Amino acid sequence: QVQLVESGGGLVQPGGSLRLSCAASGRIAGINAMGWYRQGPGKERELVAGIFSGGRTNYADSVKGRFTISRDSAKKTAFLQMNSLKPEDTAVYYCNANIVTSWGALGDYWGQGTQVTVSS
């Protein structure tokens, strides 16, 4: 089986910072890409940032210059450094990974989500 576990969410004041982590575990042969999505109250889930096996990254326009995605391939872990947080960043943040399993299957996997609340 494959599992993604997120950590690092919480309550922070506007202008503050948080760092999210996503650790993949299980029968994994390789990870093609990892990303972070979020779903705010009453909103649809949206892509926040993605990082690909060659190191290329992409970001939603709303977080460019404030958020940074990175990856430790050896540890099968992705990170999202979030700076200059705004109330509109409040959401449940989900980790996603495109994974090749040890039995050769390719699929998208999701974490359980971690709450980020930006409020004074």
PDB file of N, CA and C in Angstrom:
ATOM      1  N   GLN A   1       0.830  -1.181   0.000  1.00  0.00           N
ATOM      2  CA  GLN A   1       0.000   0.000   0.000  1.00  0.00           C
ATOM      3  C   GLN A   1       0.875   1.245   0.000  1.00  0.00           C
ATOM      4  N   VAL A   2       0.253   2.358  -0.367  1.00  0.00           N
ATOM      5  CA  VAL A   2       0.948   3.646  -0.401  1.00  0.00           C
ATOM      6  C   VAL A   2       0.198   4.617   0.496  1.00  0.00           C
ATOM      7  N   GLN A   3       0.935   5.406   1.240  1.00  0.00           N
ATOM      8  CA  GLN A   3       0.313   6.360   2.160  1.00  0.00           C
ATOM      9  C   GLN A   3       1.037   7.697   2.094  1.00  0.00           C
ATOM     10  N   LEU A   4       0.269   8.790   2.140  1.00  0.00           N
ATOM     11  CA  LEU A   4       0.822  10.136   2.250  1.00  0.00           C
ATOM     12  C   LEU A   4       0.358  10.721   3.573  1.00  0.00           C
ATOM     13  N   VAL A   5       1.285  11.255   4.338  1.00  0.00           N
ATOM     14  CA  VAL A   5       0.948  11.840   5.633  1.00  0.00           C
ATOM     15  C   VAL A   5       1.447  13.267   5.682  1.00  0.00           C
ATOM     16  N   GLU A   6       0.515  14.211   5.899  1.00  0.00           N
ATOM     17  CA  GLU A   6       0.865  15.624   5.980  1.00  0.00           C
ATOM     18  C   GLU A   6       1.035  16.033   7.431  1.00  0.00           C
ATOM     19  N   SER A   7       1.811  17.075   7.627  1.00  0.00           N
ATOM     20  CA  SER A   7       1.961  17.674   8.948  1.00  0.00           C
ATOM     21  C   SER A   7       2.352  19.132   8.781  1.00  0.00           C
ATOM     22  N   GLY A   8       2.200  19.902   9.863  1.00  0.00           N
ATOM     23  CA  GLY A   8       2.667  21.278   9.859  1.00  0.00           C
ATOM     24  C   GLY A   8       1.596  22.345   9.805  1.00  0.00           C
ATOM     25  N   GLY A   9       0.343  21.954   9.690  1.00  0.00           N
ATOM     26  CA  GLY A   9      -0.713  22.959   9.665  1.00  0.00           C
ATOM     27  C   GLY A   9      -0.932  23.575  11.030  1.00  0.00           C
ATOM     28  N   GLY A  10      -1.809  24.587  11.086  1.00  0.00           N
ATOM     29  CA  GLY A  10      -2.102  25.213  12.355  1.00  0.00           C
ATOM     30  C   GLY A  10      -2.688  26.593  12.182  1.00  0.00           C
ATOM     31  N   LEU A  11      -2.704  27.335  13.282  1.00  0.00           N
ATOM     32  CA  LEU A  11      -3.226  28.702  13.306  1.00  0.00           C
ATOM     33  C   LEU A  11      -2.064  29.685  13.299  1.00  0.00           C
ATOM     34  N   VAL A  12      -2.127  30.661  12.418  1.00  0.00           N
ATOM     35  CA  VAL A  12      -1.061  31.657  12.321  1.00  0.00           C
ATOM     36  C   VAL A  12      -1.686  33.019  12.043  1.00  0.00           C
ATOM     37  N   GLN A  13      -1.038  34.067  12.491  1.00  0.00           N
ATOM     38  CA  GLN A  13      -1.518  35.419  12.243  1.00  0.00           C
ATOM     39  C   GLN A  13      -1.181  35.859  10.824  1.00  0.00           C
ATOM     40  N   PRO A  14      -1.944  36.787  10.288  1.00  0.00           N
ATOM     41  CA  PRO A  14      -1.607  37.330   8.959  1.00  0.00           C
ATOM     42  C   PRO A  14      -0.167  37.845   8.943  1.00  0.00           C
ATOM     43  N   GLY A  15       0.529  37.525   7.853  1.00  0.00           N
ATOM     44  CA  GLY A  15       1.930  37.890   7.727  1.00  0.00           C
ATOM     45  C   GLY A  15       2.885  36.842   8.251  1.00  0.00           C
ATOM     46  N   GLY A  16       2.355  35.837   8.915  1.00  0.00           N
ATOM     47  CA  GLY A  16       3.190  34.785   9.483  1.00  0.00           C
ATOM     48  C   GLY A  16       3.566  33.720   8.476  1.00  0.00           C
ATOM     49  N   SER A  17       4.242  32.688   8.983  1.00  0.00           N
ATOM     50  CA  SER A  17       4.741  31.607   8.137  1.00  0.00           C
ATOM     51  C   SER A  17       4.393  30.253   8.724  1.00  0.00           C
ATOM     52  N   LEU A  18       4.259  29.284   7.833  1.00  0.00           N
ATOM     53  CA  LEU A  18       4.097  27.890   8.210  1.00  0.00           C
ATOM     54  C   LEU A  18       4.844  27.040   7.192  1.00  0.00           C
ATOM     55  N   ARG A  19       5.246  25.854   7.633  1.00  0.00           N
ATOM     56  CA  ARG A  19       5.895  24.903   6.732  1.00  0.00           C
ATOM     57  C   ARG A  19       5.163  23.577   6.815  1.00  0.00           C
ATOM     58  N   LEU A  20       4.620  23.159   5.676  1.00  0.00           N
ATOM     59  CA  LEU A  20       3.924  21.881   5.600  1.00  0.00           C
ATOM     60  C   LEU A  20       4.879  20.808   5.087  1.00  0.00           C
ATOM     61  N   SER A  21       4.688  19.597   5.587  1.00  0.00           N
ATOM     62  CA  SER A  21       5.462  18.450   5.122  1.00  0.00           C
ATOM     63  C   SER A  21       4.523  17.356   4.664  1.00  0.00           C
ATOM     64  N   CYS A  22       4.967  16.588   3.683  1.00  0.00           N
ATOM     65  CA  CYS A  22       4.198  15.450   3.183  1.00  0.00           C
ATOM     66  C   CYS A  22       5.166  14.295   2.966  1.00  0.00           C
ATOM     67  N   ALA A  23       4.973  13.233   3.725  1.00  0.00           N
ATOM     68  CA  ALA A  23       5.851  12.075   3.630  1.00  0.00           C
ATOM     69  C   ALA A  23       5.113  10.914   2.985  1.00  0.00           C
ATOM     70  N   ALA A  24       5.708  10.370   1.940  1.00  0.00           N
ATOM     71  CA  ALA A  24       5.143   9.204   1.259  1.00  0.00           C
ATOM     72  C   ALA A  24       5.813   7.939   1.780  1.00  0.00           C
ATOM     73  N   SER A  25       5.027   6.895   1.952  1.00  0.00           N
ATOM     74  CA  SER A  25       5.578   5.631   2.431  1.00  0.00           C
ATOM     75  C   SER A  25       4.824   4.475   1.793  1.00  0.00           C
ATOM     76  N   GLY A  26       5.438   3.303   1.886  1.00  0.00           N
ATOM     77  CA  GLY A  26       4.806   2.116   1.328  1.00  0.00           C
ATOM     78  C   GLY A  26       5.627   1.534   0.203  1.00  0.00           C
ATOM     79  N   ARG A  27       4.958   0.749  -0.626  1.00  0.00           N
ATOM     80  CA  ARG A  27       5.632   0.028  -1.702  1.00  0.00           C
ATOM     81  C   ARG A  27       5.756   0.941  -2.928  1.00  0.00           C
ATOM     82  N   ILE A  28       6.733   1.816  -2.887  1.00  0.00           N
ATOM     83  CA  ILE A  28       6.927   2.852  -3.904  1.00  0.00           C
ATOM     84  C   ILE A  28       8.179   2.563  -4.713  1.00  0.00           C
ATOM     85  N   ALA A  29       8.026   2.503  -6.017  1.00  0.00           N
ATOM     86  CA  ALA A  29       9.182   2.347  -6.896  1.00  0.00           C
ATOM     87  C   ALA A  29       9.722   3.697  -7.334  1.00  0.00           C
ATOM     88  N   GLY A  30       8.833   4.680  -7.466  1.00  0.00           N
ATOM     89  CA  GLY A  30       9.261   6.008  -7.871  1.00  0.00           C
ATOM     90  C   GLY A  30       8.132   7.013  -7.742  1.00  0.00           C
ATOM     91  N   ILE A  31       8.514   8.282  -7.632  1.00  0.00           N
ATOM     92  CA  ILE A  31       7.535   9.364  -7.533  1.00  0.00           C
ATOM     93  C   ILE A  31       7.790  10.337  -8.670  1.00  0.00           C
ATOM     94  N   ASN A  32       6.807  10.516  -9.542  1.00  0.00           N
ATOM     95  CA  ASN A  32       6.974  11.406 -10.681  1.00  0.00           C
ATOM     96  C   ASN A  32       6.802  12.863 -10.302  1.00  0.00           C
ATOM     97  N   ALA A  33       5.829  13.149  -9.465  1.00  0.00           N
ATOM     98  CA  ALA A  33       5.537  14.523  -9.096  1.00  0.00           C
ATOM     99  C   ALA A  33       4.839  14.542  -7.750  1.00  0.00           C
ATOM    100  N   MET A  34       5.010  15.646  -7.054  1.00  0.00           N
ATOM    101  CA  MET A  34       4.292  15.864  -5.801  1.00  0.00           C
ATOM    102  C   MET A  34       3.745  17.271  -5.833  1.00  0.00           C
ATOM    103  N   GLY A  35       2.629  17.461  -5.166  1.00  0.00           N
ATOM    104  CA  GLY A  35       2.016  18.777  -5.184  1.00  0.00           C
ATOM    105  C   GLY A  35       1.155  19.021  -3.971  1.00  0.00           C
ATOM    106  N   TRP A  36       0.792  20.265  -3.833  1.00  0.00           N
ATOM    107  CA  TRP A  36      -0.113  20.683  -2.765  1.00  0.00           C
ATOM    108  C   TRP A  36      -1.350  21.327  -3.372  1.00  0.00           C
ATOM    109  N   TYR A  37      -2.493  20.917  -2.865  1.00  0.00           N
ATOM    110  CA  TYR A  37      -3.769  21.500  -3.224  1.00  0.00           C
ATOM    111  C   TYR A  37      -4.404  22.062  -1.951  1.00  0.00           C
ATOM    112  N   ARG A  38      -5.392  22.915  -2.130  1.00  0.00           N
ATOM    113  CA  ARG A  38      -6.116  23.404  -0.966  1.00  0.00           C
ATOM    114  C   ARG A  38      -7.588  23.589  -1.302  1.00  0.00           C
ATOM    115  N   GLN A  39      -8.391  23.501  -0.261  1.00  0.00           N
ATOM    116  CA  GLN A  39      -9.826  23.717  -0.414  1.00  0.00           C
ATOM    117  C   GLN A  39     -10.295  24.595   0.732  1.00  0.00           C
ATOM    118  N   GLY A  40     -10.652  25.837   0.379  1.00  0.00           N
ATOM    119  CA  GLY A  40     -11.157  26.769   1.355  1.00  0.00           C
ATOM    120  C   GLY A  40     -12.641  26.589   1.589  1.00  0.00           C
ATOM    121  N   PRO A  41     -13.189  27.234   2.615  1.00  0.00           N
ATOM    122  CA  PRO A  41     -14.621  27.118   2.914  1.00  0.00           C
ATOM    123  C   PRO A  41     -15.480  27.546   1.730  1.00  0.00           C
ATOM    124  N   GLY A  42     -16.338  26.664   1.281  1.00  0.00           N
ATOM    125  CA  GLY A  42     -17.226  26.983   0.184  1.00  0.00           C
ATOM    126  C   GLY A  42     -16.557  27.071  -1.175  1.00  0.00           C
ATOM    127  N   LYS A  43     -15.326  26.605  -1.260  1.00  0.00           N
ATOM    128  CA  LYS A  43     -14.591  26.697  -2.523  1.00  0.00           C
ATOM    129  C   LYS A  43     -14.240  25.309  -3.040  1.00  0.00           C
ATOM    130  N   GLU A  44     -13.889  25.263  -4.320  1.00  0.00           N
ATOM    131  CA  GLU A  44     -13.424  24.021  -4.904  1.00  0.00           C
ATOM    132  C   GLU A  44     -11.932  23.829  -4.591  1.00  0.00           C
ATOM    133  N   ARG A  45     -11.517  22.578  -4.628  1.00  0.00           N
ATOM    134  CA  ARG A  45     -10.098  22.290  -4.425  1.00  0.00           C
ATOM    135  C   ARG A  45      -9.288  22.869  -5.583  1.00  0.00           C
ATOM    136  N   GLU A  46      -8.163  23.509  -5.260  1.00  0.00           N
ATOM    137  CA  GLU A  46      -7.321  24.130  -6.280  1.00  0.00           C
ATOM    138  C   GLU A  46      -5.869  23.762  -6.077  1.00  0.00           C
ATOM    139  N   LEU A  47      -5.130  23.740  -7.180  1.00  0.00           N
ATOM    140  CA  LEU A  47      -3.690  23.488  -7.107  1.00  0.00           C
ATOM    141  C   LEU A  47      -2.988  24.708  -6.536  1.00  0.00           C
ATOM    142  N   VAL A  48      -2.120  24.467  -5.571  1.00  0.00           N
ATOM    143  CA  VAL A  48      -1.308  25.528  -4.985  1.00  0.00           C
ATOM    144  C   VAL A  48       0.094  25.520  -5.596  1.00  0.00           C
ATOM    145  N   ALA A  49       0.727  24.366  -5.593  1.00  0.00           N
ATOM    146  CA  ALA A  49       2.096  24.263  -6.107  1.00  0.00           C
ATOM    147  C   ALA A  49       2.403  22.812  -6.444  1.00  0.00           C
ATOM    148  N   GLY A  50       3.268  22.618  -7.431  1.00  0.00           N
ATOM    149  CA  GLY A  50       3.685  21.285  -7.826  1.00  0.00           C
ATOM    150  C   GLY A  50       5.172  21.247  -8.098  1.00  0.00           C
ATOM    151  N   ILE A  51       5.769  20.079  -7.891  1.00  0.00           N
ATOM    152  CA  ILE A  51       7.184  19.887  -8.198  1.00  0.00           C
ATOM    153  C   ILE A  51       7.339  18.549  -8.886  1.00  0.00           C
ATOM    154  N   PHE A  52       8.137  18.543  -9.972  1.00  0.00           N
ATOM    155  CA  PHE A  52       8.266  17.370 -10.807  1.00  0.00           C
ATOM    156  C   PHE A  52       9.634  16.732 -10.616  1.00  0.00           C
ATOM    157  N   SER A  53       9.785  15.528 -11.151  1.00  0.00           N
ATOM    158  CA  SER A  53      10.985  14.744 -10.875  1.00  0.00           C
ATOM    159  C   SER A  53      12.254  15.446 -11.338  1.00  0.00           C
ATOM    160  N   GLY A  54      12.172  16.293 -12.343  1.00  0.00           N
ATOM    161  CA  GLY A  54      13.349  17.017 -12.799  1.00  0.00           C
ATOM    162  C   GLY A  54      13.612  18.301 -12.025  1.00  0.00           C
ATOM    163  N   GLY A  55      12.751  18.605 -11.055  1.00  0.00           N
ATOM    164  CA  GLY A  55      12.918  19.794 -10.235  1.00  0.00           C
ATOM    165  C   GLY A  55      12.087  20.983 -10.669  1.00  0.00           C
ATOM    166  N   ARG A  56      11.431  20.862 -11.814  1.00  0.00           N
ATOM    167  CA  ARG A  56      10.581  21.974 -12.267  1.00  0.00           C
ATOM    168  C   ARG A  56       9.412  22.161 -11.300  1.00  0.00           C
ATOM    169  N   THR A  57       9.079  23.433 -11.086  1.00  0.00           N
ATOM    170  CA  THR A  57       7.983  23.755 -10.174  1.00  0.00           C
ATOM    171  C   THR A  57       6.955  24.636 -10.875  1.00  0.00           C
ATOM    172  N   ASN A  58       5.745  24.624 -10.355  1.00  0.00           N
ATOM    173  CA  ASN A  58       4.735  25.574 -10.803  1.00  0.00           C
ATOM    174  C   ASN A  58       3.893  25.986  -9.617  1.00  0.00           C
ATOM    175  N   TYR A  59       3.331  27.183  -9.703  1.00  0.00           N
ATOM    176  CA  TYR A  59       2.587  27.767  -8.599  1.00  0.00           C
ATOM    177  C   TYR A  59       1.308  28.432  -9.102  1.00  0.00           C
ATOM    178  N   ALA A  60       0.319  28.451  -8.238  1.00  0.00           N
ATOM    179  CA  ALA A  60      -0.860  29.260  -8.505  1.00  0.00           C
ATOM    180  C   ALA A  60      -0.452  30.729  -8.440  1.00  0.00           C
ATOM    181  N   ASP A  61      -1.078  31.555  -9.261  1.00  0.00           N
ATOM    182  CA  ASP A  61      -0.724  32.977  -9.272  1.00  0.00           C
ATOM    183  C   ASP A  61      -0.892  33.610  -7.895  1.00  0.00           C
ATOM    184  N   SER A  62      -1.860  33.143  -7.148  1.00  0.00           N
ATOM    185  CA  SER A  62      -2.178  33.752  -5.861  1.00  0.00           C
ATOM    186  C   SER A  62      -1.090  33.523  -4.802  1.00  0.00           C
ATOM    187  N   VAL A  63      -0.183  32.572  -5.037  1.00  0.00           N
ATOM    188  CA  VAL A  63       0.841  32.274  -4.023  1.00  0.00           C
ATOM    189  C   VAL A  63       2.256  32.539  -4.528  1.00  0.00           C
ATOM    190  N   LYS A  64       2.410  32.916  -5.789  1.00  0.00           N
ATOM    191  CA  LYS A  64       3.748  33.169  -6.330  1.00  0.00           C
ATOM    192  C   LYS A  64       4.460  34.242  -5.528  1.00  0.00           C
ATOM    193  N   GLY A  65       5.722  33.972  -5.202  1.00  0.00           N
ATOM    194  CA  GLY A  65       6.506  34.919  -4.428  1.00  0.00           C
ATOM    195  C   GLY A  65       6.342  34.782  -2.927  1.00  0.00           C
ATOM    196  N   ARG A  66       5.341  34.005  -2.507  1.00  0.00           N
ATOM    197  CA  ARG A  66       5.101  33.820  -1.071  1.00  0.00           C
ATOM    198  C   ARG A  66       5.320  32.372  -0.639  1.00  0.00           C
ATOM    199  N   PHE A  67       4.977  31.427  -1.491  1.00  0.00           N
ATOM    200  CA  PHE A  67       5.090  30.005  -1.165  1.00  0.00           C
ATOM    201  C   PHE A  67       6.234  29.392  -1.976  1.00  0.00           C
ATOM    202  N   THR A  68       6.892  28.413  -1.372  1.00  0.00           N
ATOM    203  CA  THR A  68       7.948  27.676  -2.055  1.00  0.00           C
ATOM    204  C   THR A  68       7.775  26.184  -1.815  1.00  0.00           C
ATOM    205  N   ILE A  69       7.723  25.431  -2.898  1.00  0.00           N
ATOM    206  CA  ILE A  69       7.639  23.974  -2.787  1.00  0.00           C
ATOM    207  C   ILE A  69       9.026  23.388  -2.997  1.00  0.00           C
ATOM    208  N   SER A  70       9.346  22.373  -2.222  1.00  0.00           N
ATOM    209  CA  SER A  70      10.624  21.690  -2.370  1.00  0.00           C
ATOM    210  C   SER A  70      10.418  20.204  -2.087  1.00  0.00           C
ATOM    211  N   ARG A  71      11.485  19.440  -2.322  1.00  0.00           N
ATOM    212  CA  ARG A  71      11.317  17.989  -2.236  1.00  0.00           C
ATOM    213  C   ARG A  71      12.635  17.346  -1.831  1.00  0.00           C
ATOM    214  N   ASP A  72      12.545  16.380  -0.966  1.00  0.00           N
ATOM    215  CA  ASP A  72      13.681  15.533  -0.618  1.00  0.00           C
ATOM    216  C   ASP A  72      13.380  14.162  -1.207  1.00  0.00           C
ATOM    217  N   SER A  73      13.924  13.898  -2.379  1.00  0.00           N
ATOM    218  CA  SER A  73      13.578  12.669  -3.083  1.00  0.00           C
ATOM    219  C   SER A  73      13.991  11.422  -2.314  1.00  0.00           C
ATOM    220  N   ALA A  74      15.142  11.487  -1.649  1.00  0.00           N
ATOM    221  CA  ALA A  74      15.619  10.321  -0.903  1.00  0.00           C
ATOM    222  C   ALA A  74      14.666   9.942   0.217  1.00  0.00           C
ATOM    223  N   LYS A  75      14.047  10.957   0.823  1.00  0.00           N
ATOM    224  CA  LYS A  75      13.124  10.708   1.929  1.00  0.00           C
ATOM    225  C   LYS A  75      11.672  10.660   1.476  1.00  0.00           C
ATOM    226  N   LYS A  76      11.447  10.793   0.155  1.00  0.00           N
ATOM    227  CA  LYS A  76      10.088  10.754  -0.394  1.00  0.00           C
ATOM    228  C   LYS A  76       9.193  11.766   0.318  1.00  0.00           C
ATOM    229  N   THR A  77       9.713  12.950   0.499  1.00  0.00           N
ATOM    230  CA  THR A  77       9.011  13.990   1.252  1.00  0.00           C
ATOM    231  C   THR A  77       8.979  15.283   0.453  1.00  0.00           C
ATOM    232  N   ALA A  78       7.837  15.959   0.493  1.00  0.00           N
ATOM    233  CA  ALA A  78       7.696  17.273  -0.108  1.00  0.00           C
ATOM    234  C   ALA A  78       7.370  18.279   0.978  1.00  0.00           C
ATOM    235  N   PHE A  79       7.769  19.514   0.734  1.00  0.00           N
ATOM    236  CA  PHE A  79       7.563  20.583   1.698  1.00  0.00           C
ATOM    237  C   PHE A  79       6.897  21.764   0.999  1.00  0.00           C
ATOM    238  N   LEU A  80       6.121  22.517   1.775  1.00  0.00           N
ATOM    239  CA  LEU A  80       5.562  23.766   1.278  1.00  0.00           C
ATOM    240  C   LEU A  80       5.840  24.837   2.319  1.00  0.00           C
ATOM    241  N   GLN A  81       6.772  25.721   1.999  1.00  0.00           N
ATOM    242  CA  GLN A  81       7.073  26.844   2.869  1.00  0.00           C
ATOM    243  C   GLN A  81       6.138  27.984   2.501  1.00  0.00           C
ATOM    244  N   MET A  82       5.343  28.423   3.458  1.00  0.00           N
ATOM    245  CA  MET A  82       4.341  29.454   3.219  1.00  0.00           C
ATOM    246  C   MET A  82       4.698  30.687   4.042  1.00  0.00           C
ATOM    247  N   ASN A  83       5.008  31.774   3.352  1.00  0.00           N
ATOM    248  CA  ASN A  83       5.347  33.034   4.006  1.00  0.00           C
ATOM    249  C   ASN A  83       4.313  34.097   3.677  1.00  0.00           C
ATOM    250  N   SER A  84       4.318  35.162   4.448  1.00  0.00           N
ATOM    251  CA  SER A  84       3.396  36.289   4.219  1.00  0.00           C
ATOM    252  C   SER A  84       1.964  35.795   4.063  1.00  0.00           C
ATOM    253  N   LEU A  85       1.550  34.950   4.975  1.00  0.00           N
ATOM    254  CA  LEU A  85       0.231  34.332   4.876  1.00  0.00           C
ATOM    255  C   LEU A  85      -0.873  35.362   5.019  1.00  0.00           C
ATOM    256  N   LYS A  86      -1.948  35.125   4.289  1.00  0.00           N
ATOM    257  CA  LYS A  86      -3.106  36.012   4.273  1.00  0.00           C
ATOM    258  C   LYS A  86      -4.348  35.234   4.743  1.00  0.00           C
ATOM    259  N   PRO A  87      -5.361  35.928   5.216  1.00  0.00           N
ATOM    260  CA  PRO A  87      -6.585  35.215   5.625  1.00  0.00           C
ATOM    261  C   PRO A  87      -7.170  34.360   4.499  1.00  0.00           C
ATOM    262  N   GLU A  88      -7.018  34.811   3.275  1.00  0.00           N
ATOM    263  CA  GLU A  88      -7.563  34.035   2.156  1.00  0.00           C
ATOM    264  C   GLU A  88      -6.780  32.760   1.869  1.00  0.00           C
ATOM    265  N   ASP A  89      -5.667  32.554   2.549  1.00  0.00           N
ATOM    266  CA  ASP A  89      -4.934  31.285   2.434  1.00  0.00           C
ATOM    267  C   ASP A  89      -5.533  30.213   3.345  1.00  0.00           C
ATOM    268  N   THR A  90      -6.492  30.601   4.159  1.00  0.00           N
ATOM    269  CA  THR A  90      -7.133  29.646   5.058  1.00  0.00           C
ATOM    270  C   THR A  90      -7.812  28.542   4.257  1.00  0.00           C
ATOM    271  N   ALA A  91      -7.474  27.306   4.558  1.00  0.00           N
ATOM    272  CA  ALA A  91      -7.999  26.169   3.808  1.00  0.00           C
ATOM    273  C   ALA A  91      -7.471  24.878   4.422  1.00  0.00           C
ATOM    274  N   VAL A  92      -8.042  23.786   3.968  1.00  0.00           N
ATOM    275  CA  VAL A  92      -7.438  22.481   4.223  1.00  0.00           C
ATOM    276  C   VAL A  92      -6.464  22.215   3.078  1.00  0.00           C
ATOM    277  N   TYR A  93      -5.238  21.918   3.419  1.00  0.00           N
ATOM    278  CA  TYR A  93      -4.199  21.678   2.426  1.00  0.00           C
ATOM    279  C   TYR A  93      -3.968  20.177   2.285  1.00  0.00           C
ATOM    280  N   TYR A  94      -3.986  19.733   1.034  1.00  0.00           N
ATOM    281  CA  TYR A  94      -3.838  18.314   0.729  1.00  0.00           C
ATOM    282  C   TYR A  94      -2.571  18.075  -0.087  1.00  0.00           C
ATOM    283  N   CYS A  95      -1.880  17.028   0.268  1.00  0.00           N
ATOM    284  CA  CYS A  95      -0.721  16.593  -0.514  1.00  0.00           C
ATOM    285  C   CYS A  95      -1.186  15.585  -1.562  1.00  0.00           C
ATOM    286  N   ASN A  96      -0.587  15.694  -2.740  1.00  0.00           N
ATOM    287  CA  ASN A  96      -0.876  14.764  -3.833  1.00  0.00           C
ATOM    288  C   ASN A  96       0.436  14.275  -4.414  1.00  0.00           C
ATOM    289  N   ALA A  97       0.474  13.013  -4.806  1.00  0.00           N
ATOM    290  CA  ALA A  97       1.683  12.482  -5.434  1.00  0.00           C
ATOM    291  C   ALA A  97       1.314  11.510  -6.545  1.00  0.00           C
ATOM    292  N   ASN A  98       2.048  11.605  -7.649  1.00  0.00           N
ATOM    293  CA  ASN A  98       1.907  10.675  -8.758  1.00  0.00           C
ATOM    294  C   ASN A  98       2.995   9.621  -8.599  1.00  0.00           C
ATOM    295  N   ILE A  99       2.576   8.410  -8.288  1.00  0.00           N
ATOM    296  CA  ILE A  99       3.500   7.387  -7.802  1.00  0.00           C
ATOM    297  C   ILE A  99       3.449   6.133  -8.651  1.00  0.00           C
ATOM    298  N   VAL A 100       4.624   5.558  -8.878  1.00  0.00           N
ATOM    299  CA  VAL A 100       4.731   4.230  -9.470  1.00  0.00           C
ATOM    300  C   VAL A 100       4.988   3.251  -8.328  1.00  0.00           C
ATOM    301  N   THR A 101       4.105   2.303  -8.170  1.00  0.00           N
ATOM    302  CA  THR A 101       4.246   1.358  -7.062  1.00  0.00           C
ATOM    303  C   THR A 101       5.255   0.267  -7.419  1.00  0.00           C
ATOM    304  N   SER A 102       5.616  -0.496  -6.418  1.00  0.00           N
ATOM    305  CA  SER A 102       6.600  -1.556  -6.630  1.00  0.00           C
ATOM    306  C   SER A 102       6.060  -2.662  -7.516  1.00  0.00           C
ATOM    307  N   TRP A 103       4.745  -2.743  -7.659  1.00  0.00           N
ATOM    308  CA  TRP A 103       4.165  -3.727  -8.562  1.00  0.00           C
ATOM    309  C   TRP A 103       3.846  -3.146  -9.933  1.00  0.00           C
ATOM    310  N   GLY A 104       4.317  -1.916 -10.183  1.00  0.00           N
ATOM    311  CA  GLY A 104       4.249  -1.360 -11.519  1.00  0.00           C
ATOM    312  C   GLY A 104       3.035  -0.529 -11.867  1.00  0.00           C
ATOM    313  N   ALA A 105       2.172  -0.280 -10.906  1.00  0.00           N
ATOM    314  CA  ALA A 105       0.982   0.527 -11.156  1.00  0.00           C
ATOM    315  C   ALA A 105       1.305   2.004 -10.986  1.00  0.00           C
ATOM    316  N   LEU A 106       0.668   2.828 -11.807  1.00  0.00           N
ATOM    317  CA  LEU A 106       0.836   4.282 -11.735  1.00  0.00           C
ATOM    318  C   LEU A 106      -0.475   4.895 -11.268  1.00  0.00           C
ATOM    319  N   GLY A 107      -0.393   5.774 -10.292  1.00  0.00           N
ATOM    320  CA  GLY A 107      -1.622   6.392  -9.820  1.00  0.00           C
ATOM    321  C   GLY A 107      -1.383   7.623  -8.989  1.00  0.00           C
ATOM    322  N   ASP A 108      -2.456   8.369  -8.768  1.00  0.00           N
ATOM    323  CA  ASP A 108      -2.419   9.557  -7.919  1.00  0.00           C
ATOM    324  C   ASP A 108      -2.894   9.190  -6.517  1.00  0.00           C
ATOM    325  N   TYR A 109      -2.161   9.656  -5.532  1.00  0.00           N
ATOM    326  CA  TYR A 109      -2.488   9.392  -4.136  1.00  0.00           C
ATOM    327  C   TYR A 109      -2.645  10.719  -3.396  1.00  0.00           C
ATOM    328  N   TRP A 110      -3.511  10.693  -2.364  1.00  0.00           N
ATOM    329  CA  TRP A 110      -3.812  11.899  -1.593  1.00  0.00           C
ATOM    330  C   TRP A 110      -3.557  11.660  -0.114  1.00  0.00           C
ATOM    331  N   GLY A 111      -3.131  12.736   0.561  1.00  0.00           N
ATOM    332  CA  GLY A 111      -3.061  12.711   2.000  1.00  0.00           C
ATOM    333  C   GLY A 111      -4.408  13.038   2.603  1.00  0.00           C
ATOM    334  N   GLN A 112      -4.459  13.036   3.930  1.00  0.00           N
ATOM    335  CA  GLN A 112      -5.731  13.232   4.627  1.00  0.00           C
ATOM    336  C   GLN A 112      -6.078  14.705   4.795  1.00  0.00           C
ATOM    337  N   GLY A 113      -5.110  15.576   4.537  1.00  0.00           N
ATOM    338  CA  GLY A 113      -5.354  17.009   4.661  1.00  0.00           C
ATOM    339  C   GLY A 113      -4.897  17.558   5.999  1.00  0.00           C
ATOM    340  N   THR A 114      -4.450  18.803   5.971  1.00  0.00           N
ATOM    341  CA  THR A 114      -4.064  19.489   7.204  1.00  0.00           C
ATOM    342  C   THR A 114      -4.623  20.912   7.154  1.00  0.00           C
ATOM    343  N   GLN A 115      -5.212  21.334   8.257  1.00  0.00           N
ATOM    344  CA  GLN A 115      -5.886  22.641   8.301  1.00  0.00           C
ATOM    345  C   GLN A 115      -4.872  23.762   8.510  1.00  0.00           C
ATOM    346  N   VAL A 116      -4.998  24.792   7.684  1.00  0.00           N
ATOM    347  CA  VAL A 116      -4.236  26.027   7.857  1.00  0.00           C
ATOM    348  C   VAL A 116      -5.235  27.154   8.046  1.00  0.00           C
ATOM    349  N   THR A 117      -5.110  27.856   9.156  1.00  0.00           N
ATOM    350  CA  THR A 117      -6.007  28.971   9.461  1.00  0.00           C
ATOM    351  C   THR A 117      -5.177  30.224   9.687  1.00  0.00           C
ATOM    352  N   VAL A 118      -5.471  31.259   8.913  1.00  0.00           N
ATOM    353  CA  VAL A 118      -4.755  32.530   9.030  1.00  0.00           C
ATOM    354  C   VAL A 118      -5.739  33.552   9.579  1.00  0.00           C
ATOM    355  N   SER A 119      -5.500  33.946  10.810  1.00  0.00           N
ATOM    356  CA  SER A 119      -6.444  34.840  11.479  1.00  0.00           C
ATOM    357  C   SER A 119      -5.756  35.566  12.624  1.00  0.00           C
ATOM    358  N   SER A 120      -6.198  36.782  12.869  1.00  0.00           N
ATOM    359  CA  SER A 120      -5.679  37.538  14.012  1.00  0.00           C
ATOM    360  C   SER A 120      -6.564  37.334  15.224  1.00  0.00           C
TER     361      SER A 120
END
